[in-house]
Amino acid sequence: MLVASLNTRGYKSQGDSDENTKWQRLHQLLRNEAIGVLAIQEAHLSDERVDTLHRLYGRRIKVLASAGPEATRSLGVAFVLN
């Protein structure tokens, strides 16, 4: 099983009009590189955002995230299970 780590520097890429673009790329990376577990720093994931990711990619991945009160603006770690 391949385990990887990545600092995403936030939930979405700067300049992206679609806030899920970064996660589309991460989903593709998980598939292409056969990453089993991806540890993410600076995830900025609220419970609501995790629910959105599960609706979009839940058939393929499971996201476990720490969602503190400031999760959408700073901080936060997550594990993505593929």
N, C-alpha and C. Protein backbone atom coordinates (compact mmCIF):
# COMPACT_ATOMS: atom_id res chain seq x y z
N MET A 1 0.84 -1.17 0.00
CA MET A 1 0.00 0.00 0.00
C MET A 1 0.89 1.24 0.00
N LEU A 2 0.59 2.14 -0.88
CA LEU A 2 1.34 3.39 -0.99
C LEU A 2 0.70 4.44 -0.10
N VAL A 3 1.53 5.08 0.74
CA VAL A 3 1.09 6.15 1.63
C VAL A 3 1.83 7.41 1.21
N ALA A 4 1.11 8.52 1.10
CA ALA A 4 1.72 9.78 0.67
C ALA A 4 1.23 10.92 1.55
N SER A 5 1.94 12.04 1.49
CA SER A 5 1.59 13.22 2.26
C SER A 5 1.65 14.44 1.35
N LEU A 6 0.74 15.39 1.59
CA LEU A 6 0.66 16.56 0.74
C LEU A 6 0.13 17.74 1.53
N ASN A 7 0.74 18.92 1.34
CA ASN A 7 0.22 20.15 1.91
C ASN A 7 -0.60 20.82 0.82
N THR A 8 -1.92 20.85 0.99
CA THR A 8 -2.79 21.38 -0.06
C THR A 8 -2.94 22.90 -0.01
N ARG A 9 -2.49 23.51 1.08
CA ARG A 9 -2.58 24.97 1.23
C ARG A 9 -4.01 25.48 1.01
N GLY A 10 -4.96 24.76 1.56
CA GLY A 10 -6.34 25.21 1.50
C GLY A 10 -7.25 24.29 0.72
N TYR A 11 -8.52 24.57 0.79
CA TYR A 11 -9.55 23.73 0.18
C TYR A 11 -9.60 23.86 -1.33
N LYS A 12 -9.39 25.06 -1.83
CA LYS A 12 -9.46 25.25 -3.28
C LYS A 12 -8.23 25.98 -3.77
N SER A 13 -7.98 25.86 -5.05
CA SER A 13 -6.83 26.54 -5.66
C SER A 13 -7.17 28.00 -5.90
N GLN A 14 -6.18 28.83 -5.72
CA GLN A 14 -6.40 30.25 -5.96
C GLN A 14 -6.75 30.48 -7.42
N GLY A 15 -7.79 31.25 -7.65
CA GLY A 15 -8.19 31.55 -9.01
C GLY A 15 -9.17 30.56 -9.62
N ASP A 16 -9.41 29.45 -8.94
CA ASP A 16 -10.38 28.47 -9.45
C ASP A 16 -11.80 28.97 -9.20
N SER A 17 -12.61 28.96 -10.21
CA SER A 17 -14.01 29.36 -10.02
C SER A 17 -14.80 28.22 -9.38
N ASP A 18 -14.42 27.00 -9.65
CA ASP A 18 -15.07 25.83 -9.06
C ASP A 18 -14.25 25.39 -7.86
N GLU A 19 -14.85 25.43 -6.68
CA GLU A 19 -14.06 25.12 -5.49
C GLU A 19 -13.69 23.65 -5.37
N ASN A 20 -14.20 22.79 -6.23
CA ASN A 20 -13.85 21.38 -6.17
C ASN A 20 -12.73 21.00 -7.15
N THR A 21 -12.19 21.96 -7.90
CA THR A 21 -11.15 21.67 -8.88
C THR A 21 -9.92 21.01 -8.25
N LYS A 22 -9.47 21.53 -7.11
CA LYS A 22 -8.31 20.94 -6.44
C LYS A 22 -8.59 19.49 -6.05
N TRP A 23 -9.81 19.23 -5.58
CA TRP A 23 -10.15 17.87 -5.17
C TRP A 23 -10.34 16.96 -6.37
N GLN A 24 -10.73 17.48 -7.50
CA GLN A 24 -10.77 16.67 -8.73
C GLN A 24 -9.37 16.21 -9.07
N ARG A 25 -8.40 17.11 -8.95
CA ARG A 25 -7.00 16.75 -9.23
C ARG A 25 -6.47 15.76 -8.21
N LEU A 26 -6.82 15.96 -6.93
CA LEU A 26 -6.38 15.01 -5.90
C LEU A 26 -6.98 13.63 -6.13
N HIS A 27 -8.24 13.58 -6.49
CA HIS A 27 -8.91 12.32 -6.79
C HIS A 27 -8.20 11.61 -7.94
N GLN A 28 -7.86 12.35 -8.97
CA GLN A 28 -7.16 11.79 -10.12
C GLN A 28 -5.76 11.28 -9.72
N LEU A 29 -5.06 12.05 -8.87
CA LEU A 29 -3.74 11.64 -8.37
C LEU A 29 -3.84 10.32 -7.61
N LEU A 30 -4.84 10.20 -6.74
CA LEU A 30 -5.03 8.96 -5.99
C LEU A 30 -5.22 7.77 -6.92
N ARG A 31 -6.00 7.97 -7.96
CA ARG A 31 -6.26 6.89 -8.91
C ARG A 31 -5.03 6.56 -9.75
N ASN A 32 -4.41 7.59 -10.32
CA ASN A 32 -3.27 7.37 -11.22
C ASN A 32 -2.06 6.77 -10.52
N GLU A 33 -1.81 7.20 -9.30
CA GLU A 33 -0.62 6.74 -8.57
C GLU A 33 -0.91 5.59 -7.61
N ALA A 34 -2.17 5.14 -7.59
CA ALA A 34 -2.60 4.04 -6.71
C ALA A 34 -2.20 4.29 -5.25
N ILE A 35 -2.45 5.51 -4.78
CA ILE A 35 -2.16 5.88 -3.39
C ILE A 35 -3.27 5.33 -2.51
N GLY A 36 -2.89 4.57 -1.50
CA GLY A 36 -3.87 3.97 -0.61
C GLY A 36 -4.32 4.92 0.49
N VAL A 37 -3.36 5.68 1.04
CA VAL A 37 -3.66 6.65 2.10
C VAL A 37 -2.92 7.94 1.77
N LEU A 38 -3.65 9.03 1.75
CA LEU A 38 -3.06 10.34 1.52
C LEU A 38 -3.29 11.20 2.75
N ALA A 39 -2.20 11.61 3.40
CA ALA A 39 -2.29 12.51 4.55
C ALA A 39 -2.18 13.94 4.02
N ILE A 40 -3.13 14.78 4.42
CA ILE A 40 -3.18 16.15 3.90
C ILE A 40 -3.03 17.15 5.05
N GLN A 41 -2.11 18.09 4.88
CA GLN A 41 -1.97 19.20 5.81
C GLN A 41 -2.66 20.42 5.22
N GLU A 42 -3.08 21.33 6.09
CA GLU A 42 -3.81 22.55 5.69
C GLU A 42 -5.02 22.23 4.82
N ALA A 43 -5.78 21.26 5.26
CA ALA A 43 -6.92 20.79 4.48
C ALA A 43 -8.08 21.79 4.45
N HIS A 44 -8.25 22.56 5.53
CA HIS A 44 -9.34 23.55 5.62
C HIS A 44 -10.70 22.92 5.35
N LEU A 45 -10.95 21.77 5.95
CA LEU A 45 -12.20 21.05 5.71
C LEU A 45 -13.16 21.16 6.88
N SER A 46 -14.32 21.69 6.63
CA SER A 46 -15.40 21.67 7.61
C SER A 46 -16.17 20.35 7.41
N ASP A 47 -17.06 20.05 8.33
CA ASP A 47 -17.89 18.85 8.17
C ASP A 47 -18.72 18.95 6.88
N GLU A 48 -19.18 20.14 6.58
CA GLU A 48 -19.98 20.36 5.37
C GLU A 48 -19.16 20.07 4.11
N ARG A 49 -17.91 20.51 4.10
CA ARG A 49 -17.05 20.25 2.93
C ARG A 49 -16.75 18.76 2.79
N VAL A 50 -16.55 18.08 3.91
CA VAL A 50 -16.31 16.63 3.87
C VAL A 50 -17.53 15.93 3.29
N ASP A 51 -18.72 16.36 3.70
CA ASP A 51 -19.95 15.79 3.15
C ASP A 51 -20.03 16.00 1.64
N THR A 52 -19.65 17.18 1.18
CA THR A 52 -19.64 17.46 -0.26
C THR A 52 -18.68 16.53 -0.99
N LEU A 53 -17.49 16.34 -0.43
CA LEU A 53 -16.51 15.45 -1.06
C LEU A 53 -17.02 14.02 -1.11
N HIS A 54 -17.71 13.59 -0.06
CA HIS A 54 -18.26 12.23 -0.06
C HIS A 54 -19.37 12.09 -1.09
N ARG A 55 -20.16 13.14 -1.29
CA ARG A 55 -21.19 13.09 -2.34
C ARG A 55 -20.55 12.99 -3.72
N LEU A 56 -19.44 13.71 -3.92
CA LEU A 56 -18.78 13.72 -5.23
C LEU A 56 -17.95 12.46 -5.49
N TYR A 57 -17.21 12.01 -4.47
CA TYR A 57 -16.23 10.94 -4.68
C TYR A 57 -16.40 9.76 -3.74
N GLY A 58 -17.51 9.70 -3.01
CA GLY A 58 -17.70 8.70 -1.97
C GLY A 58 -17.67 7.26 -2.43
N ARG A 59 -17.88 7.02 -3.70
CA ARG A 59 -17.80 5.64 -4.19
C ARG A 59 -16.35 5.18 -4.25
N ARG A 60 -15.43 6.12 -4.25
CA ARG A 60 -14.02 5.79 -4.43
C ARG A 60 -13.16 6.10 -3.20
N ILE A 61 -13.46 7.19 -2.48
CA ILE A 61 -12.60 7.61 -1.37
C ILE A 61 -13.42 7.86 -0.11
N LYS A 62 -12.71 7.83 1.02
CA LYS A 62 -13.28 8.19 2.32
C LYS A 62 -12.37 9.26 2.91
N VAL A 63 -12.93 10.38 3.34
CA VAL A 63 -12.16 11.49 3.90
C VAL A 63 -12.41 11.55 5.40
N LEU A 64 -11.33 11.52 6.17
CA LEU A 64 -11.38 11.68 7.62
C LEU A 64 -10.65 12.97 7.93
N ALA A 65 -11.34 13.95 8.52
CA ALA A 65 -10.74 15.27 8.72
C ALA A 65 -10.99 15.80 10.11
N SER A 66 -10.05 16.61 10.58
CA SER A 66 -10.26 17.35 11.82
C SER A 66 -10.90 18.68 11.44
N ALA A 67 -12.07 18.93 11.95
CA ALA A 67 -12.78 20.15 11.61
C ALA A 67 -12.94 21.00 12.87
N GLY A 68 -12.01 21.91 13.07
CA GLY A 68 -12.10 22.83 14.19
C GLY A 68 -12.93 24.04 13.81
N PRO A 69 -13.12 24.98 14.74
CA PRO A 69 -13.93 26.16 14.45
C PRO A 69 -13.35 27.05 13.36
N GLU A 70 -12.06 26.97 13.12
CA GLU A 70 -11.42 27.79 12.09
C GLU A 70 -11.03 26.94 10.87
N ALA A 71 -11.60 25.78 10.72
CA ALA A 71 -11.17 24.82 9.69
C ALA A 71 -11.28 25.37 8.27
N THR A 72 -12.23 26.23 8.01
CA THR A 72 -12.41 26.70 6.63
C THR A 72 -11.45 27.83 6.27
N ARG A 73 -10.79 28.42 7.27
CA ARG A 73 -9.87 29.52 6.97
C ARG A 73 -8.41 29.14 7.19
N SER A 74 -8.15 28.23 8.07
CA SER A 74 -6.78 27.83 8.34
C SER A 74 -6.79 26.48 9.04
N LEU A 75 -5.64 25.91 9.12
CA LEU A 75 -5.44 24.68 9.88
C LEU A 75 -6.13 23.47 9.27
N GLY A 76 -6.08 22.39 10.00
CA GLY A 76 -6.79 21.18 9.62
C GLY A 76 -5.93 20.16 8.92
N VAL A 77 -6.09 18.93 9.36
CA VAL A 77 -5.45 17.80 8.69
C VAL A 77 -6.54 16.84 8.27
N ALA A 78 -6.21 16.04 7.28
CA ALA A 78 -7.17 15.04 6.78
C ALA A 78 -6.40 13.82 6.29
N PHE A 79 -7.09 12.70 6.32
CA PHE A 79 -6.60 11.48 5.71
C PHE A 79 -7.62 11.06 4.66
N VAL A 80 -7.12 10.75 3.48
CA VAL A 80 -7.99 10.29 2.41
C VAL A 80 -7.66 8.83 2.16
N LEU A 81 -8.65 7.98 2.32
CA LEU A 81 -8.49 6.54 2.11
C LEU A 81 -9.03 6.20 0.74
N ASN A 82 -8.21 5.54 -0.04
CA ASN A 82 -8.57 5.21 -1.41
C ASN A 82 -8.84 3.71 -1.50
